[in-house]
């Protein structure tokens, strides 16, 4: 569940920070880039719940009030953090496999982005404030389905469908990783420890399909769930559906 949302700060001030339109300060040991880098490091390490202007200032070894010269507040800071990390995705010009290959590459880049920065999953972006990196990423990703017979609205919807699947899959993968970190047990170890107790209450003859399929999935994944498999399998099915739409326009 998202704990923050983009666009929560003052729009004009947020855009000024995102696009760096404010005149630079005379102070050389601080600035928007350093502040955002420290904030991203903090959120990567401890989650978005740990983020505050004071914690960022402590990380930089400066007074909290000195940050406000560059970033008006936490809402604006989160918007800039989101924009900065969205600049990390690779955007190669030549990707084999046509539109399907391009969307696959885009999906993989976004999957890895969420795994590097799990706190992104805690930011609702329904009211995204477009910074330079978010705008460039959106423009590049739309180019994957430009000129294949879709309307502009359909292009936006197709991209949203793919990225929505990536986000949902990444959320489950991140949750699984957090559980493992918190408990000190891998999924396989947890199921091995639970198996004797489950065997006492679970009747495979009463639930034959669940028993058969669950056993097959467990053997294949080493647990009840594989985030990587869910990501890849679901992406292929999403792309299959898009292919039907594209073919109908030929």
C-alpha atoms as a PDB file:
ATOM      1  CA  UNK A   1       0.000   0.000   0.000  1.00  0.00           C
ATOM      2  CA  UNK A   2       1.304   3.442  -0.925  1.00  0.00           C
ATOM      3  CA  UNK A   3       2.333   5.561   2.016  1.00  0.00           C
ATOM      4  CA  UNK A   4       3.039   8.724   0.019  1.00  0.00           C
ATOM      5  CA  UNK A   5       1.780  10.240  -3.208  1.00  0.00           C
ATOM      6  CA  UNK A   6       3.435  12.311  -5.881  1.00  0.00           C
ATOM      7  CA  UNK A   7       2.247  15.845  -6.441  1.00  0.00           C
ATOM      8  CA  UNK A   8       1.833  16.372  -2.698  1.00  0.00           C
ATOM      9  CA  UNK A   9       3.891  19.534  -2.571  1.00  0.00           C
ATOM     10  CA  UNK A  10       3.344  22.982  -4.028  1.00  0.00           C
ATOM     11  CA  UNK A  11       3.187  22.439  -7.827  1.00  0.00           C
ATOM     12  CA  UNK A  12       5.056  25.591  -8.801  1.00  0.00           C
ATOM     13  CA  UNK A  13       7.834  25.036  -6.277  1.00  0.00           C
ATOM     14  CA  UNK A  14       8.052  21.346  -7.167  1.00  0.00           C
ATOM     15  CA  UNK A  15       8.447  22.108 -10.868  1.00  0.00           C
ATOM     16  CA  UNK A  16      11.119  24.677 -10.079  1.00  0.00           C
ATOM     17  CA  UNK A  17      13.149  22.044  -8.220  1.00  0.00           C
ATOM     18  CA  UNK A  18      12.486  19.305 -10.783  1.00  0.00           C
ATOM     19  CA  UNK A  19      13.629  21.424 -13.691  1.00  0.00           C
ATOM     20  CA  UNK A  20      16.301  23.301 -11.668  1.00  0.00           C
ATOM     21  CA  UNK A  21      14.983  26.719 -12.660  1.00  0.00           C
ATOM     22  CA  UNK A  22      15.944  28.384  -9.386  1.00  0.00           C
ATOM     23  CA  UNK A  23      19.293  30.212  -9.354  1.00  0.00           C
ATOM     24  CA  UNK A  24      22.066  28.153  -7.753  1.00  0.00           C
ATOM     25  CA  UNK A  25      23.088  28.960  -4.196  1.00  0.00           C
ATOM     26  CA  UNK A  26      26.518  30.259  -3.425  1.00  0.00           C
ATOM     27  CA  UNK A  27      27.005  27.332  -1.056  1.00  0.00           C
ATOM     28  CA  UNK A  28      29.138  24.683  -2.794  1.00  0.00           C
ATOM     29  CA  UNK A  29      28.886  21.826  -0.282  1.00  0.00           C
ATOM     30  CA  UNK A  30      25.144  21.352  -0.741  1.00  0.00           C
ATOM     31  CA  UNK A  31      22.533  21.424  -3.479  1.00  0.00           C
ATOM     32  CA  UNK A  32      19.486  19.629  -4.864  1.00  0.00           C
ATOM     33  CA  UNK A  33      21.509  16.774  -6.340  1.00  0.00           C
ATOM     34  CA  UNK A  34      23.322  15.981  -3.077  1.00  0.00           C
ATOM     35  CA  UNK A  35      20.137  16.230  -1.051  1.00  0.00           C
ATOM     36  CA  UNK A  36      18.219  13.939  -3.391  1.00  0.00           C
ATOM     37  CA  UNK A  37      21.078  11.426  -3.559  1.00  0.00           C
ATOM     38  CA  UNK A  38      21.130  11.229   0.246  1.00  0.00           C
ATOM     39  CA  UNK A  39      17.350  10.872   0.370  1.00  0.00           C
ATOM     40  CA  UNK A  40      17.391   8.045  -2.171  1.00  0.00           C
ATOM     41  CA  UNK A  41      20.128   6.235  -0.231  1.00  0.00           C
ATOM     42  CA  UNK A  42      18.096   6.563   2.952  1.00  0.00           C
ATOM     43  CA  UNK A  43      14.888   5.313   1.332  1.00  0.00           C
ATOM     44  CA  UNK A  44      16.744   2.418  -0.329  1.00  0.00           C
ATOM     45  CA  UNK A  45      18.187   1.344   3.009  1.00  0.00           C
ATOM     46  CA  UNK A  46      15.249   1.915   5.349  1.00  0.00           C
ATOM     47  CA  UNK A  47      12.128   2.486   3.275  1.00  0.00           C
ATOM     48  CA  UNK A  48      10.078   5.579   2.620  1.00  0.00           C
ATOM     49  CA  UNK A  49       8.720   5.573   6.153  1.00  0.00           C
ATOM     50  CA  UNK A  50      12.174   6.535   7.417  1.00  0.00           C
ATOM     51  CA  UNK A  51      12.400   9.558   5.138  1.00  0.00           C
ATOM     52  CA  UNK A  52      12.296  12.996   6.705  1.00  0.00           C
ATOM     53  CA  UNK A  53      14.090  16.254   6.118  1.00  0.00           C
ATOM     54  CA  UNK A  54      15.854  15.811   9.459  1.00  0.00           C
ATOM     55  CA  UNK A  55      17.108  12.320   8.607  1.00  0.00           C
ATOM     56  CA  UNK A  56      18.403  13.536   5.261  1.00  0.00           C
ATOM     57  CA  UNK A  57      20.142  16.470   6.920  1.00  0.00           C
ATOM     58  CA  UNK A  58      21.737  14.129   9.462  1.00  0.00           C
ATOM     59  CA  UNK A  59      22.986  11.951   6.644  1.00  0.00           C
ATOM     60  CA  UNK A  60      24.601  14.989   5.007  1.00  0.00           C
ATOM     61  CA  UNK A  61      25.951  16.360   8.284  1.00  0.00           C
ATOM     62  CA  UNK A  62      24.136  19.675   7.966  1.00  0.00           C
ATOM     63  CA  UNK A  63      21.352  21.472   9.805  1.00  0.00           C
ATOM     64  CA  UNK A  64      17.804  20.579   8.795  1.00  0.00           C
ATOM     65  CA  UNK A  65      16.873  24.170   7.947  1.00  0.00           C
ATOM     66  CA  UNK A  66      19.693  24.396   5.401  1.00  0.00           C
ATOM     67  CA  UNK A  67      17.850  21.891   3.186  1.00  0.00           C
ATOM     68  CA  UNK A  68      14.881  24.193   2.730  1.00  0.00           C
ATOM     69  CA  UNK A  69      16.998  26.590   0.697  1.00  0.00           C
ATOM     70  CA  UNK A  70      17.019  23.936  -2.033  1.00  0.00           C
ATOM     71  CA  UNK A  71      13.935  21.752  -1.444  1.00  0.00           C
ATOM     72  CA  UNK A  72      10.743  23.289   0.003  1.00  0.00           C
ATOM     73  CA  UNK A  73       9.650  20.162   1.894  1.00  0.00           C
ATOM     74  CA  UNK A  74       9.181  16.413   1.961  1.00  0.00           C
ATOM     75  CA  UNK A  75       6.455  16.406  -0.691  1.00  0.00           C
ATOM     76  CA  UNK A  76       8.648  18.165  -3.214  1.00  0.00           C
ATOM     77  CA  UNK A  77      11.623  15.998  -2.216  1.00  0.00           C
ATOM     78  CA  UNK A  78       9.719  12.790  -2.991  1.00  0.00           C
ATOM     79  CA  UNK A  79       8.757  14.123  -6.427  1.00  0.00           C
ATOM     80  CA  UNK A  80      12.381  14.866  -7.245  1.00  0.00           C
ATOM     81  CA  UNK A  81      13.519  11.484  -5.889  1.00  0.00           C
ATOM     82  CA  UNK A  82      11.018   9.729  -8.166  1.00  0.00           C
ATOM     83  CA  UNK A  83      12.184  11.751 -11.142  1.00  0.00           C
ATOM     84  CA  UNK A  84      15.886  11.168 -10.472  1.00  0.00           C
ATOM     85  CA  UNK A  85      15.682   7.380 -10.173  1.00  0.00           C
ATOM     86  CA  UNK A  86      13.531   7.191 -13.309  1.00  0.00           C
ATOM     87  CA  UNK A  87      16.556   8.513 -15.139  1.00  0.00           C
ATOM     88  CA  UNK A  88      18.363   5.218 -14.440  1.00  0.00           C
ATOM     89  CA  UNK A  89      16.524   3.087 -16.998  1.00  0.00           C
ATOM     90  CA  UNK A  90      18.479   2.252 -20.145  1.00  0.00           C
ATOM     91  CA  UNK A  91      17.014   3.513 -23.423  1.00  0.00           C
ATOM     92  CA  UNK A  92      18.748   1.743 -26.303  1.00  0.00           C
ATOM     93  CA  UNK A  93      17.799   2.797 -29.815  1.00  0.00           C
ATOM     94  CA  UNK A  94      18.134  -0.594 -31.478  1.00  0.00           C
ATOM     95  CA  UNK A  95      16.224  -3.405 -29.753  1.00  0.00           C
ATOM     96  CA  UNK A  96      15.528  -6.616 -31.687  1.00  0.00           C
ATOM     97  CA  UNK A  97      12.108  -8.210 -31.846  1.00  0.00           C
ATOM     98  CA  UNK A  98       9.962  -5.299 -33.011  1.00  0.00           C
ATOM     99  CA  UNK A  99       7.457  -3.714 -30.649  1.00  0.00           C
ATOM    100  CA  UNK A 100       7.242  -6.894 -28.590  1.00  0.00           C
ATOM    101  CA  UNK A 101      10.985  -7.003 -28.019  1.00  0.00           C
ATOM    102  CA  UNK A 102      10.994  -3.316 -27.112  1.00  0.00           C
ATOM    103  CA  UNK A 103       8.193  -3.693 -24.570  1.00  0.00           C
ATOM    104  CA  UNK A 104       9.950  -6.711 -23.079  1.00  0.00           C
ATOM    105  CA  UNK A 105      13.117  -4.662 -22.624  1.00  0.00           C
ATOM    106  CA  UNK A 106      11.123  -1.788 -21.126  1.00  0.00           C
ATOM    107  CA  UNK A 107       9.380  -4.153 -18.715  1.00  0.00           C
ATOM    108  CA  UNK A 108      12.696  -5.638 -17.595  1.00  0.00           C
ATOM    109  CA  UNK A 109      14.216  -2.189 -17.034  1.00  0.00           C
ATOM    110  CA  UNK A 110      11.250  -1.170 -14.864  1.00  0.00           C
ATOM    111  CA  UNK A 111      11.292  -4.485 -12.969  1.00  0.00           C
ATOM    112  CA  UNK A 112      14.935  -3.951 -12.063  1.00  0.00           C
ATOM    113  CA  UNK A 113      14.234  -0.316 -11.149  1.00  0.00           C
ATOM    114  CA  UNK A 114      11.618  -1.396  -8.599  1.00  0.00           C
ATOM    115  CA  UNK A 115      13.949  -4.009  -7.140  1.00  0.00           C
ATOM    116  CA  UNK A 116      16.749  -1.421  -6.762  1.00  0.00           C
ATOM    117  CA  UNK A 117      14.404   1.137  -5.222  1.00  0.00           C
ATOM    118  CA  UNK A 118      11.537  -0.738  -3.514  1.00  0.00           C
ATOM    119  CA  UNK A 119      10.281   2.509  -1.951  1.00  0.00           C
ATOM    120  CA  UNK A 120       8.956   3.479  -5.396  1.00  0.00           C
ATOM    121  CA  UNK A 121       6.170   0.980  -4.733  1.00  0.00           C
ATOM    122  CA  UNK A 122       5.126   3.145  -1.783  1.00  0.00           C
ATOM    123  CA  UNK A 123       4.543   6.228  -3.946  1.00  0.00           C
ATOM    124  CA  UNK A 124       1.179   6.607  -5.678  1.00  0.00           C
ATOM    125  CA  UNK A 125       1.819   8.448  -8.946  1.00  0.00           C
ATOM    126  CA  UNK A 126      -1.756   9.195 -10.050  1.00  0.00           C
ATOM    127  CA  UNK A 127      -0.872  12.887  -9.959  1.00  0.00           C
ATOM    128  CA  UNK A 128       2.680  12.646 -11.184  1.00  0.00           C
ATOM    129  CA  UNK A 129       4.489  15.938 -11.557  1.00  0.00           C
ATOM    130  CA  UNK A 130       6.456  15.543 -14.765  1.00  0.00           C
ATOM    131  CA  UNK A 131      10.134  16.148 -14.293  1.00  0.00           C
ATOM    132  CA  UNK A 132      12.736  15.844 -17.070  1.00  0.00           C
ATOM    133  CA  UNK A 133      13.562  12.192 -16.398  1.00  0.00           C
ATOM    134  CA  UNK A 134       9.972  11.000 -16.065  1.00  0.00           C
ATOM    135  CA  UNK A 135       9.045  12.890 -19.244  1.00  0.00           C
ATOM    136  CA  UNK A 136      12.012  11.454 -21.177  1.00  0.00           C
ATOM    137  CA  UNK A 137      11.247   7.922 -19.953  1.00  0.00           C
ATOM    138  CA  UNK A 138       7.584   8.190 -20.941  1.00  0.00           C
ATOM    139  CA  UNK A 139       8.488   9.556 -24.376  1.00  0.00           C
ATOM    140  CA  UNK A 140      11.005   6.756 -24.981  1.00  0.00           C
ATOM    141  CA  UNK A 141       8.682   3.993 -23.807  1.00  0.00           C
ATOM    142  CA  UNK A 142       5.826   5.239 -25.976  1.00  0.00           C
ATOM    143  CA  UNK A 143       8.112   5.010 -29.003  1.00  0.00           C
ATOM    144  CA  UNK A 144       8.029   1.208 -28.629  1.00  0.00           C
ATOM    145  CA  UNK A 145       4.409   1.143 -29.814  1.00  0.00           C
ATOM    146  CA  UNK A 146       4.409   4.183 -32.078  1.00  0.00           C
ATOM    147  CA  UNK A 147       3.515   3.510 -35.695  1.00  0.00           C
ATOM    148  CA  UNK A 148       2.059   0.002 -35.211  1.00  0.00           C
ATOM    149  CA  UNK A 149      -1.560   0.957 -35.830  1.00  0.00           C
ATOM    150  CA  UNK A 150      -2.698   2.036 -32.370  1.00  0.00           C
ATOM    151  CA  UNK A 151      -4.346   5.323 -31.495  1.00  0.00           C
ATOM    152  CA  UNK A 152      -2.563   7.683 -29.142  1.00  0.00           C
ATOM    153  CA  UNK A 153      -4.939   6.749 -26.321  1.00  0.00           C
ATOM    154  CA  UNK A 154      -4.319   3.042 -26.984  1.00  0.00           C
ATOM    155  CA  UNK A 155      -0.559   3.601 -26.974  1.00  0.00           C
ATOM    156  CA  UNK A 156      -0.818   5.162 -23.531  1.00  0.00           C
ATOM    157  CA  UNK A 157      -3.106   2.356 -22.323  1.00  0.00           C
ATOM    158  CA  UNK A 158      -0.813  -0.391 -23.662  1.00  0.00           C
ATOM    159  CA  UNK A 159       2.188   1.102 -21.900  1.00  0.00           C
ATOM    160  CA  UNK A 160       0.165   1.484 -18.714  1.00  0.00           C
ATOM    161  CA  UNK A 161      -0.941  -2.158 -18.944  1.00  0.00           C
ATOM    162  CA  UNK A 162       2.637  -3.411 -19.246  1.00  0.00           C
ATOM    163  CA  UNK A 163       3.978  -1.194 -16.482  1.00  0.00           C
ATOM    164  CA  UNK A 164       1.021  -2.045 -14.254  1.00  0.00           C
ATOM    165  CA  UNK A 165       1.908  -5.735 -14.537  1.00  0.00           C
ATOM    166  CA  UNK A 166       5.540  -4.962 -13.753  1.00  0.00           C
ATOM    167  CA  UNK A 167       4.595  -2.955 -10.679  1.00  0.00           C
ATOM    168  CA  UNK A 168       2.241  -5.652  -9.350  1.00  0.00           C
ATOM    169  CA  UNK A 169       4.837  -8.386  -9.877  1.00  0.00           C
ATOM    170  CA  UNK A 170       7.580  -6.302  -8.291  1.00  0.00           C
ATOM    171  CA  UNK A 171       5.419  -5.589  -5.253  1.00  0.00           C
ATOM    172  CA  UNK A 172       4.986  -9.320  -4.600  1.00  0.00           C
ATOM    173  CA  UNK A 173       8.698  -9.970  -5.145  1.00  0.00           C
ATOM    174  CA  UNK A 174       9.690  -7.165  -2.775  1.00  0.00           C
ATOM    175  CA  UNK A 175       7.227  -8.382  -0.147  1.00  0.00           C
ATOM    176  CA  UNK A 176       8.718 -11.890  -0.397  1.00  0.00           C
ATOM    177  CA  UNK A 177      12.240 -10.510   0.006  1.00  0.00           C
ATOM    178  CA  UNK A 178      11.212  -8.487   3.067  1.00  0.00           C
ATOM    179  CA  UNK A 179       9.634 -11.527   4.700  1.00  0.00           C
ATOM    180  CA  UNK A 180      12.820 -13.520   4.131  1.00  0.00           C
ATOM    181  CA  UNK A 181      14.913 -10.711   5.571  1.00  0.00           C
ATOM    182  CA  UNK A 182      12.639 -10.311   8.583  1.00  0.00           C
ATOM    183  CA  UNK A 183      12.363 -14.021   9.406  1.00  0.00           C
ATOM    184  CA  UNK A 184      15.829 -15.162   8.360  1.00  0.00           C
ATOM    185  CA  UNK A 185      14.261 -18.039   6.407  1.00  0.00           C
ATOM    186  CA  UNK A 186      13.975 -18.550   2.669  1.00  0.00           C
ATOM    187  CA  UNK A 187      10.578 -19.617   1.344  1.00  0.00           C
ATOM    188  CA  UNK A 188      11.932 -23.119   0.802  1.00  0.00           C
ATOM    189  CA  UNK A 189      13.178 -23.317   4.399  1.00  0.00           C
ATOM    190  CA  UNK A 190       9.867 -22.021   5.726  1.00  0.00           C
ATOM    191  CA  UNK A 191       7.851 -24.574   3.763  1.00  0.00           C
ATOM    192  CA  UNK A 192      10.141 -27.385   4.888  1.00  0.00           C
ATOM    193  CA  UNK A 193       9.596 -26.364   8.499  1.00  0.00           C
ATOM    194  CA  UNK A 194       5.837 -26.051   7.988  1.00  0.00           C
ATOM    195  CA  UNK A 195       5.364 -29.267   5.995  1.00  0.00           C
ATOM    196  CA  UNK A 196       5.042 -31.662   8.974  1.00  0.00           C
ATOM    197  CA  UNK A 197       2.303 -29.544  10.534  1.00  0.00           C
ATOM    198  CA  UNK A 198       0.500 -29.054   7.218  1.00  0.00           C
ATOM    199  CA  UNK A 199       0.542 -32.798   6.574  1.00  0.00           C
ATOM    200  CA  UNK A 200      -1.555 -33.334   9.714  1.00  0.00           C
ATOM    201  CA  UNK A 201      -4.437 -31.153   8.547  1.00  0.00           C
ATOM    202  CA  UNK A 202      -4.305 -31.063   4.750  1.00  0.00           C
ATOM    203  CA  UNK A 203      -6.128 -33.939   3.017  1.00  0.00           C
ATOM    204  CA  UNK A 204      -4.912 -34.331  -0.599  1.00  0.00           C
ATOM    205  CA  UNK A 205      -7.900 -36.524  -1.429  1.00  0.00           C
ATOM    206  CA  UNK A 206     -10.276 -33.744  -0.414  1.00  0.00           C
ATOM    207  CA  UNK A 207      -8.363 -31.115  -2.399  1.00  0.00           C
ATOM    208  CA  UNK A 208      -6.799 -33.189  -5.228  1.00  0.00           C
ATOM    209  CA  UNK A 209      -6.277 -30.380  -7.729  1.00  0.00           C
ATOM    210  CA  UNK A 210      -4.752 -28.057  -5.146  1.00  0.00           C
ATOM    211  CA  UNK A 211      -2.480 -30.845  -3.931  1.00  0.00           C
ATOM    212  CA  UNK A 212      -1.286 -31.722  -7.424  1.00  0.00           C
ATOM    213  CA  UNK A 213      -0.792 -28.189  -8.707  1.00  0.00           C
ATOM    214  CA  UNK A 214       0.676 -26.905  -5.449  1.00  0.00           C
ATOM    215  CA  UNK A 215       3.222 -29.702  -5.399  1.00  0.00           C
ATOM    216  CA  UNK A 216       4.209 -29.038  -9.023  1.00  0.00           C
ATOM    217  CA  UNK A 217       4.598 -25.296  -8.430  1.00  0.00           C
ATOM    218  CA  UNK A 218       6.552 -25.875  -5.233  1.00  0.00           C
ATOM    219  CA  UNK A 219       8.932 -28.243  -6.974  1.00  0.00           C
ATOM    220  CA  UNK A 220       9.404 -25.849  -9.899  1.00  0.00           C
ATOM    221  CA  UNK A 221       9.994 -22.735  -7.788  1.00  0.00           C
ATOM    222  CA  UNK A 222      11.381 -24.103  -4.538  1.00  0.00           C
ATOM    223  CA  UNK A 223       8.512 -22.258  -2.845  1.00  0.00           C
ATOM    224  CA  UNK A 224       4.841 -21.490  -3.341  1.00  0.00           C
ATOM    225  CA  UNK A 225       5.673 -18.431  -5.430  1.00  0.00           C
ATOM    226  CA  UNK A 226       8.419 -17.134  -7.711  1.00  0.00           C
ATOM    227  CA  UNK A 227       8.431 -13.413  -8.408  1.00  0.00           C
ATOM    228  CA  UNK A 228      10.668 -13.799 -11.450  1.00  0.00           C
ATOM    229  CA  UNK A 229       8.440 -16.505 -12.945  1.00  0.00           C
ATOM    230  CA  UNK A 230       5.281 -14.493 -12.271  1.00  0.00           C
ATOM    231  CA  UNK A 231       6.873 -11.464 -13.927  1.00  0.00           C
ATOM    232  CA  UNK A 232       7.987 -13.332 -17.048  1.00  0.00           C
ATOM    233  CA  UNK A 233       4.880 -15.513 -17.433  1.00  0.00           C
ATOM    234  CA  UNK A 234       2.481 -12.619 -16.903  1.00  0.00           C
ATOM    235  CA  UNK A 235       4.403 -10.347 -19.258  1.00  0.00           C
ATOM    236  CA  UNK A 236       4.196 -12.893 -22.073  1.00  0.00           C
ATOM    237  CA  UNK A 237       0.429 -13.177 -21.597  1.00  0.00           C
ATOM    238  CA  UNK A 238       0.038  -9.396 -21.553  1.00  0.00           C
ATOM    239  CA  UNK A 239       2.053  -9.122 -24.754  1.00  0.00           C
ATOM    240  CA  UNK A 240      -0.032 -11.892 -26.337  1.00  0.00           C
ATOM    241  CA  UNK A 241      -3.146  -9.828 -25.677  1.00  0.00           C
ATOM    242  CA  UNK A 242      -1.568  -6.681 -27.126  1.00  0.00           C
ATOM    243  CA  UNK A 243      -0.553  -8.679 -30.196  1.00  0.00           C
ATOM    244  CA  UNK A 244      -4.198  -9.563 -30.828  1.00  0.00           C
ATOM    245  CA  UNK A 245      -5.077  -5.855 -30.707  1.00  0.00           C
ATOM    246  CA  UNK A 246      -2.232  -4.896 -33.039  1.00  0.00           C
ATOM    247  CA  UNK A 247      -3.141  -7.666 -35.490  1.00  0.00           C
ATOM    248  CA  UNK A 248      -6.733  -6.432 -35.616  1.00  0.00           C
ATOM    249  CA  UNK A 249      -5.487  -3.100 -36.956  1.00  0.00           C
ATOM    250  CA  UNK A 250      -3.501  -4.543 -39.860  1.00  0.00           C
END
